[in-house]
Amino acid sequence: MDRYKYPNAEVKGSSAVLGNEFARMTTSDSVSKVRDFYKKQVGDPIINNKDESDESVIFQVPGSPMIIITVNQDEEDPDKTQIVVLRSRFQIPKMN
């Protein structure tokens, strides 16, 4: 999971259950800056939704274990970006 930690992000919570791991982080960097970081690291997002006031991005790293990374505006603090990394033993078909 350390490989997917965003630089200088604050870890707000994490857990591990039955071989699945979850980490929630926040940063003051913009959604687009965080998106660009993960795009360089894992490739193009499977979903990149942007409207006038919000942007949400989802990355999927196939393989075992599978990694899902979501990036969006933090609902608790609109001036921050929330990053959630999920590592799962369960395989979800890759979306194209």
PDB file of N, CA and C in Angstrom:
ATOM      1  N   MET A   1       0.823  -1.196   0.000  1.00  0.00           N
ATOM      2  CA  MET A   1       0.000   0.000   0.000  1.00  0.00           C
ATOM      3  C   MET A   1       0.870   1.264   0.000  1.00  0.00           C
ATOM      4  N   ASP A   2       2.055   1.184   0.582  1.00  0.00           N
ATOM      5  CA  ASP A   2       2.913   2.361   0.637  1.00  0.00           C
ATOM      6  C   ASP A   2       3.221   2.907  -0.755  1.00  0.00           C
ATOM      7  N   ARG A   3       3.289   2.025  -1.731  1.00  0.00           N
ATOM      8  CA  ARG A   3       3.575   2.437  -3.106  1.00  0.00           C
ATOM      9  C   ARG A   3       2.517   3.417  -3.629  1.00  0.00           C
ATOM     10  N   TYR A   4       1.292   3.306  -3.142  1.00  0.00           N
ATOM     11  CA  TYR A   4       0.187   4.117  -3.637  1.00  0.00           C
ATOM     12  C   TYR A   4      -0.136   5.306  -2.732  1.00  0.00           C
ATOM     13  N   LYS A   5       0.683   5.528  -1.704  1.00  0.00           N
ATOM     14  CA  LYS A   5       0.460   6.678  -0.823  1.00  0.00           C
ATOM     15  C   LYS A   5       0.855   7.948  -1.574  1.00  0.00           C
ATOM     16  N   TYR A   6      -0.022   8.936  -1.530  1.00  0.00           N
ATOM     17  CA  TYR A   6       0.259  10.212  -2.187  1.00  0.00           C
ATOM     18  C   TYR A   6       1.253  10.997  -1.338  1.00  0.00           C
ATOM     19  N   PRO A   7       2.287  11.590  -1.964  1.00  0.00           N
ATOM     20  CA  PRO A   7       3.315  12.321  -1.194  1.00  0.00           C
ATOM     21  C   PRO A   7       2.708  13.427  -0.329  1.00  0.00           C
ATOM     22  N   ASN A   8       3.126  13.463   0.912  1.00  0.00           N
ATOM     23  CA  ASN A   8       2.721  14.475   1.887  1.00  0.00           C
ATOM     24  C   ASN A   8       1.228  14.476   2.210  1.00  0.00           C
ATOM     25  N   ALA A   9       0.517  13.415   1.858  1.00  0.00           N
ATOM     26  CA  ALA A   9      -0.898  13.318   2.215  1.00  0.00           C
ATOM     27  C   ALA A   9      -1.019  12.897   3.672  1.00  0.00           C
ATOM     28  N   GLU A  10      -2.101  13.341   4.287  1.00  0.00           N
ATOM     29  CA  GLU A  10      -2.390  12.950   5.663  1.00  0.00           C
ATOM     30  C   GLU A  10      -3.305  11.732   5.632  1.00  0.00           C
ATOM     31  N   VAL A  11      -2.894  10.658   6.299  1.00  0.00           N
ATOM     32  CA  VAL A  11      -3.712   9.450   6.358  1.00  0.00           C
ATOM     33  C   VAL A  11      -4.792   9.676   7.403  1.00  0.00           C
ATOM     34  N   LYS A  12      -6.053   9.614   6.956  1.00  0.00           N
ATOM     35  CA  LYS A  12      -7.195   9.865   7.834  1.00  0.00           C
ATOM     36  C   LYS A  12      -7.762   8.580   8.428  1.00  0.00           C
ATOM     37  N   GLY A  13      -7.455   7.453   7.801  1.00  0.00           N
ATOM     38  CA  GLY A  13      -7.946   6.182   8.315  1.00  0.00           C
ATOM     39  C   GLY A  13      -7.451   5.045   7.445  1.00  0.00           C
ATOM     40  N   SER A  14      -7.317   3.895   8.057  1.00  0.00           N
ATOM     41  CA  SER A  14      -6.925   2.698   7.304  1.00  0.00           C
ATOM     42  C   SER A  14      -7.369   1.475   8.082  1.00  0.00           C
ATOM     43  N   SER A  15      -7.542   0.383   7.333  1.00  0.00           N
ATOM     44  CA  SER A  15      -7.899  -0.872   7.984  1.00  0.00           C
ATOM     45  C   SER A  15      -7.546  -2.024   7.061  1.00  0.00           C
ATOM     46  N   ALA A  16      -7.505  -3.201   7.642  1.00  0.00           N
ATOM     47  CA  ALA A  16      -7.239  -4.424   6.885  1.00  0.00           C
ATOM     48  C   ALA A  16      -8.161  -5.508   7.428  1.00  0.00           C
ATOM     49  N   VAL A  17      -8.891  -6.158   6.495  1.00  0.00           N
ATOM     50  CA  VAL A  17      -9.821  -7.213   6.879  1.00  0.00           C
ATOM     51  C   VAL A  17      -9.747  -8.326   5.845  1.00  0.00           C
ATOM     52  N   LEU A  18      -9.496  -9.535   6.284  1.00  0.00           N
ATOM     53  CA  LEU A  18      -9.496 -10.712   5.418  1.00  0.00           C
ATOM     54  C   LEU A  18      -8.627 -10.539   4.168  1.00  0.00           C
ATOM     55  N   GLY A  19      -7.471  -9.930   4.345  1.00  0.00           N
ATOM     56  CA  GLY A  19      -6.558  -9.751   3.224  1.00  0.00           C
ATOM     57  C   GLY A  19      -6.865  -8.558   2.337  1.00  0.00           C
ATOM     58  N   ASN A  20      -7.901  -7.796   2.668  1.00  0.00           N
ATOM     59  CA  ASN A  20      -8.243  -6.581   1.930  1.00  0.00           C
ATOM     60  C   ASN A  20      -7.808  -5.387   2.773  1.00  0.00           C
ATOM     61  N   GLU A  21      -7.249  -4.362   2.110  1.00  0.00           N
ATOM     62  CA  GLU A  21      -6.781  -3.179   2.825  1.00  0.00           C
ATOM     63  C   GLU A  21      -7.426  -1.926   2.255  1.00  0.00           C
ATOM     64  N   PHE A  22      -7.555  -0.931   3.113  1.00  0.00           N
ATOM     65  CA  PHE A  22      -8.201   0.325   2.758  1.00  0.00           C
ATOM     66  C   PHE A  22      -7.425   1.456   3.419  1.00  0.00           C
ATOM     67  N   ALA A  23      -7.170   2.543   2.685  1.00  0.00           N
ATOM     68  CA  ALA A  23      -6.542   3.730   3.269  1.00  0.00           C
ATOM     69  C   ALA A  23      -7.229   4.964   2.713  1.00  0.00           C
ATOM     70  N   ARG A  24      -7.536   5.916   3.586  1.00  0.00           N
ATOM     71  CA  ARG A  24      -8.138   7.190   3.194  1.00  0.00           C
ATOM     72  C   ARG A  24      -7.160   8.295   3.542  1.00  0.00           C
ATOM     73  N   MET A  25      -6.845   9.133   2.550  1.00  0.00           N
ATOM     74  CA  MET A  25      -5.888  10.214   2.728  1.00  0.00           C
ATOM     75  C   MET A  25      -6.511  11.533   2.270  1.00  0.00           C
ATOM     76  N   THR A  26      -5.952  12.638   2.747  1.00  0.00           N
ATOM     77  CA  THR A  26      -6.336  13.954   2.241  1.00  0.00           C
ATOM     78  C   THR A  26      -5.066  14.757   1.960  1.00  0.00           C
ATOM     79  N   THR A  27      -5.207  15.687   1.016  1.00  0.00           N
ATOM     80  CA  THR A  27      -4.116  16.582   0.662  1.00  0.00           C
ATOM     81  C   THR A  27      -4.696  17.925   0.265  1.00  0.00           C
ATOM     82  N   SER A  28      -3.889  18.956   0.361  1.00  0.00           N
ATOM     83  CA  SER A  28      -4.341  20.277  -0.087  1.00  0.00           C
ATOM     84  C   SER A  28      -4.120  20.464  -1.588  1.00  0.00           C
ATOM     85  N   ASP A  29      -3.478  19.493  -2.244  1.00  0.00           N
ATOM     86  CA  ASP A  29      -3.301  19.547  -3.700  1.00  0.00           C
ATOM     87  C   ASP A  29      -4.647  19.379  -4.402  1.00  0.00           C
ATOM     88  N   SER A  30      -4.755  19.923  -5.598  1.00  0.00           N
ATOM     89  CA  SER A  30      -6.000  19.842  -6.367  1.00  0.00           C
ATOM     90  C   SER A  30      -6.248  18.421  -6.871  1.00  0.00           C
ATOM     91  N   VAL A  31      -7.505  18.147  -7.208  1.00  0.00           N
ATOM     92  CA  VAL A  31      -7.863  16.852  -7.776  1.00  0.00           C
ATOM     93  C   VAL A  31      -7.052  16.599  -9.043  1.00  0.00           C
ATOM     94  N   SER A  32      -6.889  17.620  -9.887  1.00  0.00           N
ATOM     95  CA  SER A  32      -6.156  17.416 -11.146  1.00  0.00           C
ATOM     96  C   SER A  32      -4.683  17.117 -10.901  1.00  0.00           C
ATOM     97  N   LYS A  33      -4.074  17.726  -9.892  1.00  0.00           N
ATOM     98  CA  LYS A  33      -2.671  17.434  -9.575  1.00  0.00           C
ATOM     99  C   LYS A  33      -2.518  15.996  -9.065  1.00  0.00           C
ATOM    100  N   VAL A  34      -3.440  15.574  -8.204  1.00  0.00           N
ATOM    101  CA  VAL A  34      -3.409  14.200  -7.691  1.00  0.00           C
ATOM    102  C   VAL A  34      -3.669  13.219  -8.829  1.00  0.00           C
ATOM    103  N   ARG A  35      -4.638  13.536  -9.704  1.00  0.00           N
ATOM    104  CA  ARG A  35      -4.929  12.693 -10.868  1.00  0.00           C
ATOM    105  C   ARG A  35      -3.677  12.508 -11.722  1.00  0.00           C
ATOM    106  N   ASP A  36      -2.969  13.596 -11.991  1.00  0.00           N
ATOM    107  CA  ASP A  36      -1.767  13.515 -12.820  1.00  0.00           C
ATOM    108  C   ASP A  36      -0.689  12.643 -12.178  1.00  0.00           C
ATOM    109  N   PHE A  37      -0.555  12.715 -10.849  1.00  0.00           N
ATOM    110  CA  PHE A  37       0.408  11.871 -10.128  1.00  0.00           C
ATOM    111  C   PHE A  37       0.094  10.394 -10.337  1.00  0.00           C
ATOM    112  N   TYR A  38      -1.169  10.021 -10.101  1.00  0.00           N
ATOM    113  CA  TYR A  38      -1.542   8.611 -10.235  1.00  0.00           C
ATOM    114  C   TYR A  38      -1.548   8.160 -11.697  1.00  0.00           C
ATOM    115  N   LYS A  39      -1.857   9.049 -12.609  1.00  0.00           N
ATOM    116  CA  LYS A  39      -1.820   8.702 -14.035  1.00  0.00           C
ATOM    117  C   LYS A  39      -0.402   8.299 -14.445  1.00  0.00           C
ATOM    118  N   LYS A  40       0.598   9.023 -13.945  1.00  0.00           N
ATOM    119  CA  LYS A  40       1.995   8.669 -14.226  1.00  0.00           C
ATOM    120  C   LYS A  40       2.362   7.335 -13.585  1.00  0.00           C
ATOM    121  N   GLN A  41       1.792   7.064 -12.430  1.00  0.00           N
ATOM    122  CA  GLN A  41       2.148   5.867 -11.672  1.00  0.00           C
ATOM    123  C   GLN A  41       1.436   4.608 -12.170  1.00  0.00           C
ATOM    124  N   VAL A  42       0.135   4.717 -12.512  1.00  0.00           N
ATOM    125  CA  VAL A  42      -0.636   3.505 -12.823  1.00  0.00           C
ATOM    126  C   VAL A  42      -1.315   3.521 -14.188  1.00  0.00           C
ATOM    127  N   GLY A  43      -1.247   4.634 -14.919  1.00  0.00           N
ATOM    128  CA  GLY A  43      -1.890   4.700 -16.232  1.00  0.00           C
ATOM    129  C   GLY A  43      -3.177   5.495 -16.188  1.00  0.00           C
ATOM    130  N   ASP A  44      -3.883   5.474 -17.307  1.00  0.00           N
ATOM    131  CA  ASP A  44      -5.107   6.260 -17.443  1.00  0.00           C
ATOM    132  C   ASP A  44      -6.194   5.809 -16.474  1.00  0.00           C
ATOM    133  N   PRO A  45      -7.007   6.759 -15.990  1.00  0.00           N
ATOM    134  CA  PRO A  45      -8.124   6.387 -15.112  1.00  0.00           C
ATOM    135  C   PRO A  45      -9.209   5.661 -15.907  1.00  0.00           C
ATOM    136  N   ILE A  46      -9.995   4.840 -15.216  1.00  0.00           N
ATOM    137  CA  ILE A  46     -11.119   4.182 -15.874  1.00  0.00           C
ATOM    138  C   ILE A  46     -12.325   5.108 -15.902  1.00  0.00           C
ATOM    139  N   ILE A  47     -12.370   6.066 -14.957  1.00  0.00           N
ATOM    140  CA  ILE A  47     -13.443   7.057 -14.926  1.00  0.00           C
ATOM    141  C   ILE A  47     -12.823   8.408 -14.579  1.00  0.00           C
ATOM    142  N   ASN A  48     -13.180   9.434 -15.345  1.00  0.00           N
ATOM    143  CA  ASN A  48     -12.762  10.802 -15.055  1.00  0.00           C
ATOM    144  C   ASN A  48     -13.967  11.689 -15.313  1.00  0.00           C
ATOM    145  N   ASN A  49     -14.694  12.014 -14.259  1.00  0.00           N
ATOM    146  CA  ASN A  49     -15.934  12.773 -14.357  1.00  0.00           C
ATOM    147  C   ASN A  49     -15.689  14.185 -13.845  1.00  0.00           C
ATOM    148  N   LYS A  50     -15.961  15.184 -14.683  1.00  0.00           N
ATOM    149  CA  LYS A  50     -15.748  16.572 -14.273  1.00  0.00           C
ATOM    150  C   LYS A  50     -16.945  17.412 -14.678  1.00  0.00           C
ATOM    151  N   ASP A  51     -17.445  18.196 -13.713  1.00  0.00           N
ATOM    152  CA  ASP A  51     -18.488  19.176 -14.024  1.00  0.00           C
ATOM    153  C   ASP A  51     -18.019  20.535 -13.515  1.00  0.00           C
ATOM    154  N   GLU A  52     -18.894  21.513 -13.471  1.00  0.00           N
ATOM    155  CA  GLU A  52     -18.496  22.877 -13.109  1.00  0.00           C
ATOM    156  C   GLU A  52     -17.870  22.973 -11.718  1.00  0.00           C
ATOM    157  N   SER A  53     -18.345  22.165 -10.781  1.00  0.00           N
ATOM    158  CA  SER A  53     -17.911  22.337  -9.397  1.00  0.00           C
ATOM    159  C   SER A  53     -17.147  21.157  -8.809  1.00  0.00           C
ATOM    160  N   ASP A  54     -17.021  20.073  -9.545  1.00  0.00           N
ATOM    161  CA  ASP A  54     -16.424  18.878  -8.937  1.00  0.00           C
ATOM    162  C   ASP A  54     -15.757  18.010  -9.988  1.00  0.00           C
ATOM    163  N   GLU A  55     -14.750  17.272  -9.560  1.00  0.00           N
ATOM    164  CA  GLU A  55     -14.098  16.294 -10.419  1.00  0.00           C
ATOM    165  C   GLU A  55     -13.874  15.029  -9.605  1.00  0.00           C
ATOM    166  N   SER A  56     -14.179  13.884 -10.195  1.00  0.00           N
ATOM    167  CA  SER A  56     -13.956  12.582  -9.569  1.00  0.00           C
ATOM    168  C   SER A  56     -13.191  11.706 -10.540  1.00  0.00           C
ATOM    169  N   VAL A  57     -12.198  10.996 -10.017  1.00  0.00           N
ATOM    170  CA  VAL A  57     -11.352  10.158 -10.850  1.00  0.00           C
ATOM    171  C   VAL A  57     -11.216   8.794 -10.173  1.00  0.00           C
ATOM    172  N   ILE A  58     -11.295   7.720 -10.983  1.00  0.00           N
ATOM    173  CA  ILE A  58     -11.115   6.364 -10.461  1.00  0.00           C
ATOM    174  C   ILE A  58     -10.078   5.645 -11.318  1.00  0.00           C
ATOM    175  N   PHE A  59      -9.099   5.073 -10.647  1.00  0.00           N
ATOM    176  CA  PHE A  59      -8.078   4.257 -11.299  1.00  0.00           C
ATOM    177  C   PHE A  59      -8.267   2.814 -10.865  1.00  0.00           C
ATOM    178  N   GLN A  60      -7.985   1.878 -11.764  1.00  0.00           N
ATOM    179  CA  GLN A  60      -8.008   0.461 -11.428  1.00  0.00           C
ATOM    180  C   GLN A  60      -6.690  -0.149 -11.886  1.00  0.00           C
ATOM    181  N   VAL A  61      -6.010  -0.792 -10.955  1.00  0.00           N
ATOM    182  CA  VAL A  61      -4.770  -1.476 -11.263  1.00  0.00           C
ATOM    183  C   VAL A  61      -5.080  -2.965 -11.263  1.00  0.00           C
ATOM    184  N   PRO A  62      -5.126  -3.594 -12.446  1.00  0.00           N
ATOM    185  CA  PRO A  62      -5.482  -5.007 -12.495  1.00  0.00           C
ATOM    186  C   PRO A  62      -4.370  -5.883 -11.923  1.00  0.00           C
ATOM    187  N   GLY A  63      -4.720  -7.088 -11.657  1.00  0.00           N
ATOM    188  CA  GLY A  63      -3.760  -8.047 -11.105  1.00  0.00           C
ATOM    189  C   GLY A  63      -4.256  -8.541  -9.776  1.00  0.00           C
ATOM    190  N   SER A  64      -3.406  -9.281  -9.135  1.00  0.00           N
ATOM    191  CA  SER A  64      -3.776  -9.830  -7.845  1.00  0.00           C
ATOM    192  C   SER A  64      -2.717  -9.447  -6.831  1.00  0.00           C
ATOM    193  N   PRO A  65      -3.034  -8.700  -5.820  1.00  0.00           N
ATOM    194  CA  PRO A  65      -4.354  -8.161  -5.529  1.00  0.00           C
ATOM    195  C   PRO A  65      -4.666  -6.960  -6.427  1.00  0.00           C
ATOM    196  N   MET A  66      -5.940  -6.701  -6.614  1.00  0.00           N
ATOM    197  CA  MET A  66      -6.385  -5.572  -7.420  1.00  0.00           C
ATOM    198  C   MET A  66      -6.368  -4.301  -6.566  1.00  0.00           C
ATOM    199  N   ILE A  67      -6.013  -3.187  -7.195  1.00  0.00           N
ATOM    200  CA  ILE A  67      -5.972  -1.894  -6.515  1.00  0.00           C
ATOM    201  C   ILE A  67      -6.973  -0.960  -7.183  1.00  0.00           C
ATOM    202  N   ILE A  68      -7.798  -0.301  -6.375  1.00  0.00           N
ATOM    203  CA  ILE A  68      -8.709   0.745  -6.839  1.00  0.00           C
ATOM    204  C   ILE A  68      -8.303   2.035  -6.112  1.00  0.00           C
ATOM    205  N   ILE A  69      -8.143   3.112  -6.877  1.00  0.00           N
ATOM    206  CA  ILE A  69      -7.794   4.412  -6.295  1.00  0.00           C
ATOM    207  C   ILE A  69      -8.861   5.413  -6.734  1.00  0.00           C
ATOM    208  N   THR A  70      -9.490   6.066  -5.762  1.00  0.00           N
ATOM    209  CA  THR A  70     -10.464   7.107  -6.089  1.00  0.00           C
ATOM    210  C   THR A  70      -9.926   8.448  -5.603  1.00  0.00           C
ATOM    211  N   VAL A  71     -10.175   9.475  -6.403  1.00  0.00           N
ATOM    212  CA  VAL A  71      -9.716  10.829  -6.094  1.00  0.00           C
ATOM    213  C   VAL A  71     -10.897  11.772  -6.305  1.00  0.00           C
ATOM    214  N   ASN A  72     -11.219  12.564  -5.291  1.00  0.00           N
ATOM    215  CA  ASN A  72     -12.297  13.538  -5.418  1.00  0.00           C
ATOM    216  C   ASN A  72     -12.172  14.592  -4.330  1.00  0.00           C
ATOM    217  N   GLN A  73     -13.012  15.607  -4.412  1.00  0.00           N
ATOM    218  CA  GLN A  73     -13.024  16.655  -3.401  1.00  0.00           C
ATOM    219  C   GLN A  73     -13.460  16.051  -2.070  1.00  0.00           C
ATOM    220  N   ASP A  74     -12.791  16.418  -1.007  1.00  0.00           N
ATOM    221  CA  ASP A  74     -13.123  15.918   0.330  1.00  0.00           C
ATOM    222  C   ASP A  74     -14.444  16.543   0.775  1.00  0.00           C
ATOM    223  N   GLU A  75     -15.413  15.710   1.118  1.00  0.00           N
ATOM    224  CA  GLU A  75     -16.726  16.212   1.536  1.00  0.00           C
ATOM    225  C   GLU A  75     -16.664  16.922   2.884  1.00  0.00           C
ATOM    226  N   GLU A  76     -15.745  16.523   3.751  1.00  0.00           N
ATOM    227  CA  GLU A  76     -15.632  17.144   5.074  1.00  0.00           C
ATOM    228  C   GLU A  76     -14.900  18.481   5.018  1.00  0.00           C
ATOM    229  N   ASP A  77     -13.991  18.635   4.057  1.00  0.00           N
ATOM    230  CA  ASP A  77     -13.217  19.872   3.906  1.00  0.00           C
ATOM    231  C   ASP A  77     -13.065  20.166   2.421  1.00  0.00           C
ATOM    232  N   PRO A  78     -13.931  21.013   1.860  1.00  0.00           N
ATOM    233  CA  PRO A  78     -13.933  21.277   0.409  1.00  0.00           C
ATOM    234  C   PRO A  78     -12.622  21.848  -0.133  1.00  0.00           C
ATOM    235  N   ASP A  79     -11.743  22.352   0.751  1.00  0.00           N
ATOM    236  CA  ASP A  79     -10.457  22.874   0.300  1.00  0.00           C
ATOM    237  C   ASP A  79      -9.416  21.771   0.126  1.00  0.00           C
ATOM    238  N   LYS A  80      -9.801  20.535   0.417  1.00  0.00           N
ATOM    239  CA  LYS A  80      -8.868  19.413   0.319  1.00  0.00           C
ATOM    240  C   LYS A  80      -9.353  18.378  -0.684  1.00  0.00           C
ATOM    241  N   THR A  81      -8.430  17.537  -1.097  1.00  0.00           N
ATOM    242  CA  THR A  81      -8.727  16.430  -1.996  1.00  0.00           C
ATOM    243  C   THR A  81      -8.625  15.134  -1.212  1.00  0.00           C
ATOM    244  N   GLN A  82      -9.603  14.260  -1.400  1.00  0.00           N
ATOM    245  CA  GLN A  82      -9.623  12.961  -0.736  1.00  0.00           C
ATOM    246  C   GLN A  82      -9.121  11.893  -1.693  1.00  0.00           C
ATOM    247  N   ILE A  83      -8.298  11.001  -1.184  1.00  0.00           N
ATOM    248  CA  ILE A  83      -7.774   9.873  -1.949  1.00  0.00           C
ATOM    249  C   ILE A  83      -8.092   8.609  -1.158  1.00  0.00           C
ATOM    250  N   VAL A  84      -8.709   7.637  -1.818  1.00  0.00           N
ATOM    251  CA  VAL A  84      -8.991   6.361  -1.174  1.00  0.00           C
ATOM    252  C   VAL A  84      -8.315   5.272  -1.996  1.00  0.00           C
ATOM    253  N   VAL A  85      -7.537   4.444  -1.319  1.00  0.00           N
ATOM    254  CA  VAL A  85      -6.863   3.320  -1.974  1.00  0.00           C
ATOM    255  C   VAL A  85      -7.415   2.040  -1.356  1.00  0.00           C
ATOM    256  N   LEU A  86      -7.903   1.159  -2.218  1.00  0.00           N
ATOM    257  CA  LEU A  86      -8.435  -0.133  -1.787  1.00  0.00           C
ATOM    258  C   LEU A  86      -7.639  -1.233  -2.466  1.00  0.00           C
ATOM    259  N   ARG A  87      -7.091  -2.119  -1.681  1.00  0.00           N
ATOM    260  CA  ARG A  87      -6.404  -3.296  -2.209  1.00  0.00           C
ATOM    261  C   ARG A  87      -7.248  -4.503  -1.849  1.00  0.00           C
ATOM    262  N   SER A  88      -7.681  -5.233  -2.891  1.00  0.00           N
ATOM    263  CA  SER A  88      -8.618  -6.324  -2.662  1.00  0.00           C
ATOM    264  C   SER A  88      -8.147  -7.612  -3.313  1.00  0.00           C
ATOM    265  N   ARG A  89      -8.380  -8.698  -2.619  1.00  0.00           N
ATOM    266  CA  ARG A  89      -8.098 -10.022  -3.195  1.00  0.00           C
ATOM    267  C   ARG A  89      -9.166 -10.399  -4.207  1.00  0.00           C
ATOM    268  N   PHE A  90     -10.329  -9.765  -4.121  1.00  0.00           N
ATOM    269  CA  PHE A  90     -11.429 -10.067  -5.029  1.00  0.00           C
ATOM    270  C   PHE A  90     -11.201  -9.357  -6.354  1.00  0.00           C
ATOM    271  N   GLN A  91     -11.413 -10.052  -7.441  1.00  0.00           N
ATOM    272  CA  GLN A  91     -11.187  -9.486  -8.772  1.00  0.00           C
ATOM    273  C   GLN A  91     -12.479  -8.955  -9.355  1.00  0.00           C
ATOM    274  N   ILE A  92     -12.434  -7.701  -9.805  1.00  0.00           N
ATOM    275  CA  ILE A  92     -13.537  -7.075 -10.512  1.00  0.00           C
ATOM    276  C   ILE A  92     -13.076  -6.931 -11.953  1.00  0.00           C
ATOM    277  N   PRO A  93     -13.898  -7.297 -12.937  1.00  0.00           N
ATOM    278  CA  PRO A  93     -13.467  -7.171 -14.334  1.00  0.00           C
ATOM    279  C   PRO A  93     -13.056  -5.731 -14.645  1.00  0.00           C
ATOM    280  N   LYS A  94     -11.960  -5.562 -15.389  1.00  0.00           N
ATOM    281  CA  LYS A  94     -11.475  -4.237 -15.750  1.00  0.00           C
ATOM    282  C   LYS A  94     -12.479  -3.562 -16.667  1.00  0.00           C
ATOM    283  N   MET A  95     -12.804  -2.315 -16.342  1.00  0.00           N
ATOM    284  CA  MET A  95     -13.740  -1.549 -17.167  1.00  0.00           C
ATOM    285  C   MET A  95     -12.958  -0.835 -18.254  1.00  0.00           C
ATOM    286  N   ASN A  96     -13.531  -0.771 -19.426  1.00  0.00           N
ATOM    287  CA  ASN A  96     -12.895  -0.046 -20.547  1.00  0.00           C
ATOM    288  C   ASN A  96     -13.779   1.073 -21.009  1.00  0.00           C
TER     289      ASN A  96
END
